[in-house]
Amino acid sequence: TKEMPVKTTLNGIVADGYAPGNCVVTPN
């Protein structure tokens, strides 16, 4: 058994004039 953190990846580009910020996953 091994415990590992969950990493996040965002695909694509948000709408023009906006930006993705803090991303949180639960459980992490």
mmCIF file of all heavy atoms, coordinates in Angstrom:
data_MODEL
# 
_entry.id   MODEL 
# 
loop_
_atom_site.group_PDB 
_atom_site.id 
_atom_site.type_symbol 
_atom_site.label_atom_id 
_atom_site.label_alt_id 
_atom_site.label_comp_id 
_atom_site.label_asym_id 
_atom_site.label_entity_id 
_atom_site.label_seq_id 
_atom_site.pdbx_PDB_ins_code 
_atom_site.Cartn_x 
_atom_site.Cartn_y 
_atom_site.Cartn_z 
_atom_site.occupancy 
_atom_site.B_iso_or_equiv 
_atom_site.pdbx_formal_charge 
_atom_site.auth_seq_id 
_atom_site.auth_comp_id 
_atom_site.auth_asym_id 
_atom_site.auth_atom_id 
_atom_site.pdbx_PDB_model_num 
ATOM 1   N N   . THR A 1 1  ? 0.850   -1.189 0.000   1.00 0.00 ? 1  THR A N   1 
ATOM 2   C CA  . THR A 1 1  ? 0.000   0.000  0.000   1.00 0.00 ? 1  THR A CA  1 
ATOM 3   C C   . THR A 1 1  ? 0.884   1.238  0.000   1.00 0.00 ? 1  THR A C   1 
ATOM 4   O O   . THR A 1 1  ? 1.883   1.294  0.727   1.00 0.00 ? 1  THR A O   1 
ATOM 5   C CB  . THR A 1 1  ? -0.927  0.024  1.224   1.00 0.00 ? 1  THR A CB  1 
ATOM 6   O OG1 . THR A 1 1  ? -1.774  -1.138 1.185   1.00 0.00 ? 1  THR A OG1 1 
ATOM 7   C CG2 . THR A 1 1  ? -1.795  1.274  1.227   1.00 0.00 ? 1  THR A CG2 1 
ATOM 8   N N   . LYS A 1 2  ? 0.528   2.211  -0.821  1.00 0.00 ? 2  LYS A N   1 
ATOM 9   C CA  . LYS A 1 2  ? 1.285   3.449  -0.905  1.00 0.00 ? 2  LYS A CA  1 
ATOM 10  C C   . LYS A 1 2  ? 0.315   4.629  -0.958  1.00 0.00 ? 2  LYS A C   1 
ATOM 11  O O   . LYS A 1 2  ? -0.724  4.553  -1.600  1.00 0.00 ? 2  LYS A O   1 
ATOM 12  C CB  . LYS A 1 2  ? 2.179   3.448  -2.149  1.00 0.00 ? 2  LYS A CB  1 
ATOM 13  C CG  . LYS A 1 2  ? 3.008   4.712  -2.259  1.00 0.00 ? 2  LYS A CG  1 
ATOM 14  C CD  . LYS A 1 2  ? 4.054   4.777  -3.380  1.00 0.00 ? 2  LYS A CD  1 
ATOM 15  C CE  . LYS A 1 2  ? 4.019   3.820  -4.467  1.00 0.00 ? 2  LYS A CE  1 
ATOM 16  N NZ  . LYS A 1 2  ? 5.085   4.039  -5.480  1.00 0.00 ? 2  LYS A NZ  1 
ATOM 17  N N   . GLU A 1 3  ? 0.686   5.712  -0.258  1.00 0.00 ? 3  GLU A N   1 
ATOM 18  C CA  . GLU A 1 3  ? -0.110  6.943  -0.318  1.00 0.00 ? 3  GLU A CA  1 
ATOM 19  C C   . GLU A 1 3  ? 0.589   7.952  -1.217  1.00 0.00 ? 3  GLU A C   1 
ATOM 20  O O   . GLU A 1 3  ? 1.801   8.164  -1.109  1.00 0.00 ? 3  GLU A O   1 
ATOM 21  C CB  . GLU A 1 3  ? -0.295  7.534  1.082   1.00 0.00 ? 3  GLU A CB  1 
ATOM 22  C CG  . GLU A 1 3  ? -1.199  6.709  1.970   1.00 0.00 ? 3  GLU A CG  1 
ATOM 23  C CD  . GLU A 1 3  ? -1.446  7.374  3.305   1.00 0.00 ? 3  GLU A CD  1 
ATOM 24  O OE1 . GLU A 1 3  ? -0.674  8.307  3.645   1.00 0.00 ? 3  GLU A OE1 1 
ATOM 25  O OE2 . GLU A 1 3  ? -2.399  6.994  3.999   1.00 0.00 ? 3  GLU A OE2 1 
ATOM 26  N N   . MET A 1 4  ? -0.182  8.592  -2.094  1.00 0.00 ? 4  MET A N   1 
ATOM 27  C CA  . MET A 1 4  ? 0.388   9.560  -3.029  1.00 0.00 ? 4  MET A CA  1 
ATOM 28  C C   . MET A 1 4  ? -0.511  10.778 -3.135  1.00 0.00 ? 4  MET A C   1 
ATOM 29  O O   . MET A 1 4  ? -1.745  10.663 -3.061  1.00 0.00 ? 4  MET A O   1 
ATOM 30  C CB  . MET A 1 4  ? 0.575   8.934  -4.414  1.00 0.00 ? 4  MET A CB  1 
ATOM 31  C CG  . MET A 1 4  ? 1.525   7.765  -4.454  1.00 0.00 ? 4  MET A CG  1 
ATOM 32  S SD  . MET A 1 4  ? 1.850   7.198  -6.146  1.00 0.00 ? 4  MET A SD  1 
ATOM 33  C CE  . MET A 1 4  ? 2.805   8.582  -6.760  1.00 0.00 ? 4  MET A CE  1 
ATOM 34  N N   . PRO A 1 5  ? 0.096   11.974 -3.316  1.00 0.00 ? 5  PRO A N   1 
ATOM 35  C CA  . PRO A 1 5  ? -0.712  13.181 -3.504  1.00 0.00 ? 5  PRO A CA  1 
ATOM 36  C C   . PRO A 1 5  ? -1.369  13.188 -4.880  1.00 0.00 ? 5  PRO A C   1 
ATOM 37  O O   . PRO A 1 5  ? -0.852  12.589 -5.825  1.00 0.00 ? 5  PRO A O   1 
ATOM 38  C CB  . PRO A 1 5  ? 0.308   14.314 -3.377  1.00 0.00 ? 5  PRO A CB  1 
ATOM 39  C CG  . PRO A 1 5  ? 1.600   13.692 -3.792  1.00 0.00 ? 5  PRO A CG  1 
ATOM 40  C CD  . PRO A 1 5  ? 1.535   12.268 -3.324  1.00 0.00 ? 5  PRO A CD  1 
ATOM 41  N N   . VAL A 1 6  ? -2.480  13.880 -4.981  1.00 0.00 ? 6  VAL A N   1 
ATOM 42  C CA  . VAL A 1 6  ? -3.189  14.008 -6.258  1.00 0.00 ? 6  VAL A CA  1 
ATOM 43  C C   . VAL A 1 6  ? -2.766  15.321 -6.911  1.00 0.00 ? 6  VAL A C   1 
ATOM 44  O O   . VAL A 1 6  ? -2.931  16.396 -6.333  1.00 0.00 ? 6  VAL A O   1 
ATOM 45  C CB  . VAL A 1 6  ? -4.715  13.986 -6.054  1.00 0.00 ? 6  VAL A CB  1 
ATOM 46  C CG1 . VAL A 1 6  ? -5.421  14.104 -7.407  1.00 0.00 ? 6  VAL A CG1 1 
ATOM 47  C CG2 . VAL A 1 6  ? -5.132  12.718 -5.341  1.00 0.00 ? 6  VAL A CG2 1 
ATOM 48  N N   . LYS A 1 7  ? -2.206  15.224 -8.104  1.00 0.00 ? 7  LYS A N   1 
ATOM 49  C CA  . LYS A 1 7  ? -1.826  16.415 -8.852  1.00 0.00 ? 7  LYS A CA  1 
ATOM 50  C C   . LYS A 1 7  ? -2.930  16.773 -9.835  1.00 0.00 ? 7  LYS A C   1 
ATOM 51  O O   . LYS A 1 7  ? -3.650  15.907 -10.332 1.00 0.00 ? 7  LYS A O   1 
ATOM 52  C CB  . LYS A 1 7  ? -0.512  16.183 -9.606  1.00 0.00 ? 7  LYS A CB  1 
ATOM 53  C CG  . LYS A 1 7  ? 0.664   15.929 -8.688  1.00 0.00 ? 7  LYS A CG  1 
ATOM 54  C CD  . LYS A 1 7  ? 1.958   15.785 -9.470  1.00 0.00 ? 7  LYS A CD  1 
ATOM 55  C CE  . LYS A 1 7  ? 3.146   15.557 -8.546  1.00 0.00 ? 7  LYS A CE  1 
ATOM 56  N NZ  . LYS A 1 7  ? 4.413   15.409 -9.304  1.00 0.00 ? 7  LYS A NZ  1 
ATOM 57  N N   . THR A 1 8  ? -3.058  18.059 -10.109 1.00 0.00 ? 8  THR A N   1 
ATOM 58  C CA  . THR A 1 8  ? -4.122  18.516 -11.008 1.00 0.00 ? 8  THR A CA  1 
ATOM 59  C C   . THR A 1 8  ? -3.537  19.028 -12.320 1.00 0.00 ? 8  THR A C   1 
ATOM 60  O O   . THR A 1 8  ? -2.449  19.613 -12.350 1.00 0.00 ? 8  THR A O   1 
ATOM 61  C CB  . THR A 1 8  ? -4.948  19.638 -10.360 1.00 0.00 ? 8  THR A CB  1 
ATOM 62  O OG1 . THR A 1 8  ? -4.081  20.739 -10.038 1.00 0.00 ? 8  THR A OG1 1 
ATOM 63  C CG2 . THR A 1 8  ? -5.618  19.144 -9.092  1.00 0.00 ? 8  THR A CG2 1 
ATOM 64  N N   . THR A 1 9  ? -4.259  18.787 -13.387 1.00 0.00 ? 9  THR A N   1 
ATOM 65  C CA  . THR A 1 9  ? -3.889  19.283 -14.715 1.00 0.00 ? 9  THR A CA  1 
ATOM 66  C C   . THR A 1 9  ? -5.128  19.887 -15.363 1.00 0.00 ? 9  THR A C   1 
ATOM 67  O O   . THR A 1 9  ? -6.208  19.293 -15.324 1.00 0.00 ? 9  THR A O   1 
ATOM 68  C CB  . THR A 1 9  ? -3.353  18.149 -15.604 1.00 0.00 ? 9  THR A CB  1 
ATOM 69  O OG1 . THR A 1 9  ? -2.186  17.600 -14.999 1.00 0.00 ? 9  THR A OG1 1 
ATOM 70  C CG2 . THR A 1 9  ? -2.988  18.676 -16.985 1.00 0.00 ? 9  THR A CG2 1 
ATOM 71  N N   . LEU A 1 10 ? -4.950  21.070 -15.942 1.00 0.00 ? 10 LEU A N   1 
ATOM 72  C CA  . LEU A 1 10 ? -6.041  21.740 -16.645 1.00 0.00 ? 10 LEU A CA  1 
ATOM 73  C C   . LEU A 1 10 ? -5.769  21.705 -18.142 1.00 0.00 ? 10 LEU A C   1 
ATOM 74  O O   . LEU A 1 10 ? -4.699  22.125 -18.595 1.00 0.00 ? 10 LEU A O   1 
ATOM 75  C CB  . LEU A 1 10 ? -6.170  23.197 -16.169 1.00 0.00 ? 10 LEU A CB  1 
ATOM 76  C CG  . LEU A 1 10 ? -6.374  23.401 -14.658 1.00 0.00 ? 10 LEU A CG  1 
ATOM 77  C CD1 . LEU A 1 10 ? -6.440  24.884 -14.342 1.00 0.00 ? 10 LEU A CD1 1 
ATOM 78  C CD2 . LEU A 1 10 ? -7.634  22.688 -14.181 1.00 0.00 ? 10 LEU A CD2 1 
ATOM 79  N N   . ASN A 1 11 ? -6.721  21.194 -18.895 1.00 0.00 ? 11 ASN A N   1 
ATOM 80  C CA  . ASN A 1 11 ? -6.615  21.170 -20.349 1.00 0.00 ? 11 ASN A CA  1 
ATOM 81  C C   . ASN A 1 11 ? -7.429  22.315 -20.941 1.00 0.00 ? 11 ASN A C   1 
ATOM 82  O O   . ASN A 1 11 ? -8.486  22.662 -20.429 1.00 0.00 ? 11 ASN A O   1 
ATOM 83  C CB  . ASN A 1 11 ? -7.108  19.840 -20.917 1.00 0.00 ? 11 ASN A CB  1 
ATOM 84  C CG  . ASN A 1 11 ? -6.150  18.700 -20.621 1.00 0.00 ? 11 ASN A CG  1 
ATOM 85  O OD1 . ASN A 1 11 ? -4.969  18.928 -20.360 1.00 0.00 ? 11 ASN A OD1 1 
ATOM 86  N ND2 . ASN A 1 11 ? -6.643  17.477 -20.667 1.00 0.00 ? 11 ASN A ND2 1 
ATOM 87  N N   . GLY A 1 12 ? -6.929  22.867 -22.045 1.00 0.00 ? 12 GLY A N   1 
ATOM 88  C CA  . GLY A 1 12 ? -7.655  23.945 -22.698 1.00 0.00 ? 12 GLY A CA  1 
ATOM 89  C C   . GLY A 1 12 ? -7.326  25.305 -22.099 1.00 0.00 ? 12 GLY A C   1 
ATOM 90  O O   . GLY A 1 12 ? -6.539  25.430 -21.164 1.00 0.00 ? 12 GLY A O   1 
ATOM 91  N N   . ILE A 1 13 ? -7.955  26.343 -22.646 1.00 0.00 ? 13 ILE A N   1 
ATOM 92  C CA  . ILE A 1 13 ? -7.717  27.724 -22.237 1.00 0.00 ? 13 ILE A CA  1 
ATOM 93  C C   . ILE A 1 13 ? -9.042  28.348 -21.816 1.00 0.00 ? 13 ILE A C   1 
ATOM 94  O O   . ILE A 1 13 ? -10.054 28.215 -22.512 1.00 0.00 ? 13 ILE A O   1 
ATOM 95  C CB  . ILE A 1 13 ? -7.104  28.540 -23.386 1.00 0.00 ? 13 ILE A CB  1 
ATOM 96  C CG1 . ILE A 1 13 ? -5.772  27.904 -23.824 1.00 0.00 ? 13 ILE A CG1 1 
ATOM 97  C CG2 . ILE A 1 13 ? -6.879  29.991 -22.977 1.00 0.00 ? 13 ILE A CG2 1 
ATOM 98  C CD1 . ILE A 1 13 ? -5.164  28.547 -25.039 1.00 0.00 ? 13 ILE A CD1 1 
ATOM 99  N N   . VAL A 1 14 ? -9.028  29.009 -20.657 1.00 0.00 ? 14 VAL A N   1 
ATOM 100 C CA  . VAL A 1 14 ? -10.245 29.665 -20.182 1.00 0.00 ? 14 VAL A CA  1 
ATOM 101 C C   . VAL A 1 14 ? -10.579 30.841 -21.104 1.00 0.00 ? 14 VAL A C   1 
ATOM 102 O O   . VAL A 1 14 ? -9.806  31.205 -21.988 1.00 0.00 ? 14 VAL A O   1 
ATOM 103 C CB  . VAL A 1 14 ? -10.081 30.152 -18.723 1.00 0.00 ? 14 VAL A CB  1 
ATOM 104 C CG1 . VAL A 1 14 ? -9.838  28.977 -17.805 1.00 0.00 ? 14 VAL A CG1 1 
ATOM 105 C CG2 . VAL A 1 14 ? -8.931  31.157 -18.620 1.00 0.00 ? 14 VAL A CG2 1 
ATOM 106 N N   . ALA A 1 15 ? -11.722 31.457 -20.880 1.00 0.00 ? 15 ALA A N   1 
ATOM 107 C CA  . ALA A 1 15 ? -12.182 32.559 -21.725 1.00 0.00 ? 15 ALA A CA  1 
ATOM 108 C C   . ALA A 1 15 ? -11.170 33.705 -21.728 1.00 0.00 ? 15 ALA A C   1 
ATOM 109 O O   . ALA A 1 15 ? -10.439 33.917 -20.754 1.00 0.00 ? 15 ALA A O   1 
ATOM 110 C CB  . ALA A 1 15 ? -13.542 33.049 -21.231 1.00 0.00 ? 15 ALA A CB  1 
ATOM 111 N N   . ASP A 1 16 ? -11.117 34.438 -22.846 1.00 0.00 ? 16 ASP A N   1 
ATOM 112 C CA  . ASP A 1 16 ? -10.192 35.565 -22.979 1.00 0.00 ? 16 ASP A CA  1 
ATOM 113 C C   . ASP A 1 16 ? -10.460 36.602 -21.890 1.00 0.00 ? 16 ASP A C   1 
ATOM 114 O O   . ASP A 1 16 ? -11.610 36.954 -21.618 1.00 0.00 ? 16 ASP A O   1 
ATOM 115 C CB  . ASP A 1 16 ? -10.359 36.189 -24.365 1.00 0.00 ? 16 ASP A CB  1 
ATOM 116 C CG  . ASP A 1 16 ? -9.285  37.213 -24.655 1.00 0.00 ? 16 ASP A CG  1 
ATOM 117 O OD1 . ASP A 1 16 ? -8.155  37.034 -24.182 1.00 0.00 ? 16 ASP A OD1 1 
ATOM 118 O OD2 . ASP A 1 16 ? -9.582  38.208 -25.360 1.00 0.00 ? 16 ASP A OD2 1 
ATOM 119 N N   . GLY A 1 17 ? -9.374  37.095 -21.267 1.00 0.00 ? 17 GLY A N   1 
ATOM 120 C CA  . GLY A 1 17 ? -9.521  38.073 -20.203 1.00 0.00 ? 17 GLY A CA  1 
ATOM 121 C C   . GLY A 1 17 ? -9.694  37.460 -18.833 1.00 0.00 ? 17 GLY A C   1 
ATOM 122 O O   . GLY A 1 17 ? -9.899  38.175 -17.858 1.00 0.00 ? 17 GLY A O   1 
ATOM 123 N N   . TYR A 1 18 ? -9.558  36.126 -18.747 1.00 0.00 ? 18 TYR A N   1 
ATOM 124 C CA  . TYR A 1 18 ? -9.676  35.417 -17.465 1.00 0.00 ? 18 TYR A CA  1 
ATOM 125 C C   . TYR A 1 18 ? -8.484  34.475 -17.303 1.00 0.00 ? 18 TYR A C   1 
ATOM 126 O O   . TYR A 1 18 ? -7.794  34.138 -18.271 1.00 0.00 ? 18 TYR A O   1 
ATOM 127 C CB  . TYR A 1 18 ? -10.980 34.614 -17.397 1.00 0.00 ? 18 TYR A CB  1 
ATOM 128 C CG  . TYR A 1 18 ? -12.211 35.491 -17.304 1.00 0.00 ? 18 TYR A CG  1 
ATOM 129 C CD1 . TYR A 1 18 ? -12.777 36.044 -18.448 1.00 0.00 ? 18 TYR A CD1 1 
ATOM 130 C CD2 . TYR A 1 18 ? -12.803 35.765 -16.073 1.00 0.00 ? 18 TYR A CD2 1 
ATOM 131 C CE1 . TYR A 1 18 ? -13.898 36.853 -18.376 1.00 0.00 ? 18 TYR A CE1 1 
ATOM 132 C CE2 . TYR A 1 18 ? -13.927 36.570 -15.985 1.00 0.00 ? 18 TYR A CE2 1 
ATOM 133 C CZ  . TYR A 1 18 ? -14.467 37.109 -17.146 1.00 0.00 ? 18 TYR A CZ  1 
ATOM 134 O OH  . TYR A 1 18 ? -15.576 37.912 -17.055 1.00 0.00 ? 18 TYR A OH  1 
ATOM 135 N N   . ALA A 1 19 ? -8.263  34.059 -16.074 1.00 0.00 ? 19 ALA A N   1 
ATOM 136 C CA  . ALA A 1 19 ? -7.150  33.144 -15.788 1.00 0.00 ? 19 ALA A CA  1 
ATOM 137 C C   . ALA A 1 19 ? -7.541  32.193 -14.670 1.00 0.00 ? 19 ALA A C   1 
ATOM 138 O O   . ALA A 1 19 ? -8.238  32.584 -13.728 1.00 0.00 ? 19 ALA A O   1 
ATOM 139 C CB  . ALA A 1 19 ? -5.899  33.924 -15.390 1.00 0.00 ? 19 ALA A CB  1 
ATOM 140 N N   . PRO A 1 20 ? -7.091  30.918 -14.770 1.00 0.00 ? 20 PRO A N   1 
ATOM 141 C CA  . PRO A 1 20 ? -7.355  29.974 -13.680 1.00 0.00 ? 20 PRO A CA  1 
ATOM 142 C C   . PRO A 1 20 ? -6.471  30.291 -12.481 1.00 0.00 ? 20 PRO A C   1 
ATOM 143 O O   . PRO A 1 20 ? -5.312  30.672 -12.631 1.00 0.00 ? 20 PRO A O   1 
ATOM 144 C CB  . PRO A 1 20 ? -6.983  28.618 -14.299 1.00 0.00 ? 20 PRO A CB  1 
ATOM 145 C CG  . PRO A 1 20 ? -5.990  28.950 -15.366 1.00 0.00 ? 20 PRO A CG  1 
ATOM 146 C CD  . PRO A 1 20 ? -6.377  30.304 -15.893 1.00 0.00 ? 20 PRO A CD  1 
ATOM 147 N N   . GLY A 1 21 ? -7.039  30.138 -11.308 1.00 0.00 ? 21 GLY A N   1 
ATOM 148 C CA  . GLY A 1 21 ? -6.288  30.435 -10.094 1.00 0.00 ? 21 GLY A CA  1 
ATOM 149 C C   . GLY A 1 21 ? -6.010  29.196 -9.276  1.00 0.00 ? 21 GLY A C   1 
ATOM 150 O O   . GLY A 1 21 ? -5.566  28.174 -9.793  1.00 0.00 ? 21 GLY A O   1 
ATOM 151 N N   . ASN A 1 22 ? -6.298  29.284 -8.000  1.00 0.00 ? 22 ASN A N   1 
ATOM 152 C CA  . ASN A 1 22 ? -5.999  28.192 -7.082  1.00 0.00 ? 22 ASN A CA  1 
ATOM 153 C C   . ASN A 1 22 ? -6.906  26.995 -7.345  1.00 0.00 ? 22 ASN A C   1 
ATOM 154 O O   . ASN A 1 22 ? -8.123  27.131 -7.424  1.00 0.00 ? 22 ASN A O   1 
ATOM 155 C CB  . ASN A 1 22 ? -6.177  28.689 -5.642  1.00 0.00 ? 22 ASN A CB  1 
ATOM 156 C CG  . ASN A 1 22 ? -5.668  27.688 -4.636  1.00 0.00 ? 22 ASN A CG  1 
ATOM 157 O OD1 . ASN A 1 22 ? -4.703  26.976 -4.904  1.00 0.00 ? 22 ASN A OD1 1 
ATOM 158 N ND2 . ASN A 1 22 ? -6.302  27.625 -3.488  1.00 0.00 ? 22 ASN A ND2 1 
ATOM 159 N N   . CYS A 1 23 ? -6.286  25.833 -7.509  1.00 0.00 ? 23 CYS A N   1 
ATOM 160 C CA  . CYS A 1 23 ? -7.035  24.601 -7.762  1.00 0.00 ? 23 CYS A CA  1 
ATOM 161 C C   . CYS A 1 23 ? -6.844  23.653 -6.582  1.00 0.00 ? 23 CYS A C   1 
ATOM 162 O O   . CYS A 1 23 ? -5.713  23.347 -6.199  1.00 0.00 ? 23 CYS A O   1 
ATOM 163 C CB  . CYS A 1 23 ? -6.553  23.938 -9.051  1.00 0.00 ? 23 CYS A CB  1 
ATOM 164 S SG  . CYS A 1 23 ? -7.530  22.502 -9.535  1.00 0.00 ? 23 CYS A SG  1 
ATOM 165 N N   . VAL A 1 24 ? -7.956  23.183 -6.008  1.00 0.00 ? 24 VAL A N   1 
ATOM 166 C CA  . VAL A 1 24 ? -7.902  22.318 -4.824  1.00 0.00 ? 24 VAL A CA  1 
ATOM 167 C C   . VAL A 1 24 ? -8.660  21.030 -5.120  1.00 0.00 ? 24 VAL A C   1 
ATOM 168 O O   . VAL A 1 24 ? -9.769  21.064 -5.671  1.00 0.00 ? 24 VAL A O   1 
ATOM 169 C CB  . VAL A 1 24 ? -8.514  23.023 -3.596  1.00 0.00 ? 24 VAL A CB  1 
ATOM 170 C CG1 . VAL A 1 24 ? -8.514  22.087 -2.397  1.00 0.00 ? 24 VAL A CG1 1 
ATOM 171 C CG2 . VAL A 1 24 ? -7.747  24.303 -3.283  1.00 0.00 ? 24 VAL A CG2 1 
ATOM 172 N N   . VAL A 1 25 ? -8.048  19.886 -4.758  1.00 0.00 ? 25 VAL A N   1 
ATOM 173 C CA  . VAL A 1 25 ? -8.740  18.606 -4.910  1.00 0.00 ? 25 VAL A CA  1 
ATOM 174 C C   . VAL A 1 25 ? -8.969  17.995 -3.535  1.00 0.00 ? 25 VAL A C   1 
ATOM 175 O O   . VAL A 1 25 ? -8.142  18.130 -2.628  1.00 0.00 ? 25 VAL A O   1 
ATOM 176 C CB  . VAL A 1 25 ? -7.936  17.621 -5.787  1.00 0.00 ? 25 VAL A CB  1 
ATOM 177 C CG1 . VAL A 1 25 ? -7.947  18.041 -7.215  1.00 0.00 ? 25 VAL A CG1 1 
ATOM 178 C CG2 . VAL A 1 25 ? -6.515  17.463 -5.267  1.00 0.00 ? 25 VAL A CG2 1 
ATOM 179 N N   . THR A 1 26 ? -10.124 17.337 -3.403  1.00 0.00 ? 26 THR A N   1 
ATOM 180 C CA  . THR A 1 26 ? -10.481 16.673 -2.146  1.00 0.00 ? 26 THR A CA  1 
ATOM 181 C C   . THR A 1 26 ? -10.994 15.272 -2.459  1.00 0.00 ? 26 THR A C   1 
ATOM 182 O O   . THR A 1 26 ? -11.933 15.126 -3.247  1.00 0.00 ? 26 THR A O   1 
ATOM 183 C CB  . THR A 1 26 ? -11.576 17.463 -1.403  1.00 0.00 ? 26 THR A CB  1 
ATOM 184 O OG1 . THR A 1 26 ? -11.141 18.821 -1.236  1.00 0.00 ? 26 THR A OG1 1 
ATOM 185 C CG2 . THR A 1 26 ? -11.837 16.854 -0.049  1.00 0.00 ? 26 THR A CG2 1 
ATOM 186 N N   . PRO A 1 27 ? -10.367 14.222 -1.886  1.00 0.00 ? 27 PRO A N   1 
ATOM 187 C CA  . PRO A 1 27 ? -9.160  14.256 -1.050  1.00 0.00 ? 27 PRO A CA  1 
ATOM 188 C C   . PRO A 1 27 ? -7.922  14.561 -1.889  1.00 0.00 ? 27 PRO A C   1 
ATOM 189 O O   . PRO A 1 27 ? -7.906  14.306 -3.094  1.00 0.00 ? 27 PRO A O   1 
ATOM 190 C CB  . PRO A 1 27 ? -9.098  12.840 -0.478  1.00 0.00 ? 27 PRO A CB  1 
ATOM 191 C CG  . PRO A 1 27 ? -9.763  12.002 -1.525  1.00 0.00 ? 27 PRO A CG  1 
ATOM 192 C CD  . PRO A 1 27 ? -10.869 12.832 -2.095  1.00 0.00 ? 27 PRO A CD  1 
ATOM 193 N N   . ASN A 1 28 ? -6.902  15.083 -1.246  1.00 0.00 ? 28 ASN A N   1 
ATOM 194 C CA  . ASN A 1 28 ? -5.676  15.417 -1.978  1.00 0.00 ? 28 ASN A CA  1 
ATOM 195 C C   . ASN A 1 28 ? -4.600  14.342 -1.832  1.00 0.00 ? 28 ASN A C   1 
ATOM 196 O O   . ASN A 1 28 ? -3.526  14.471 -2.404  1.00 0.00 ? 28 ASN A O   1 
ATOM 197 C CB  . ASN A 1 28 ? -5.124  16.768 -1.521  1.00 0.00 ? 28 ASN A CB  1 
ATOM 198 C CG  . ASN A 1 28 ? -4.774  16.771 -0.039  1.00 0.00 ? 28 ASN A CG  1 
ATOM 199 O OD1 . ASN A 1 28 ? -5.084  15.834 0.680   1.00 0.00 ? 28 ASN A OD1 1 
ATOM 200 N ND2 . ASN A 1 28 ? -4.128  17.827 0.404   1.00 0.00 ? 28 ASN A ND2 1 
# 
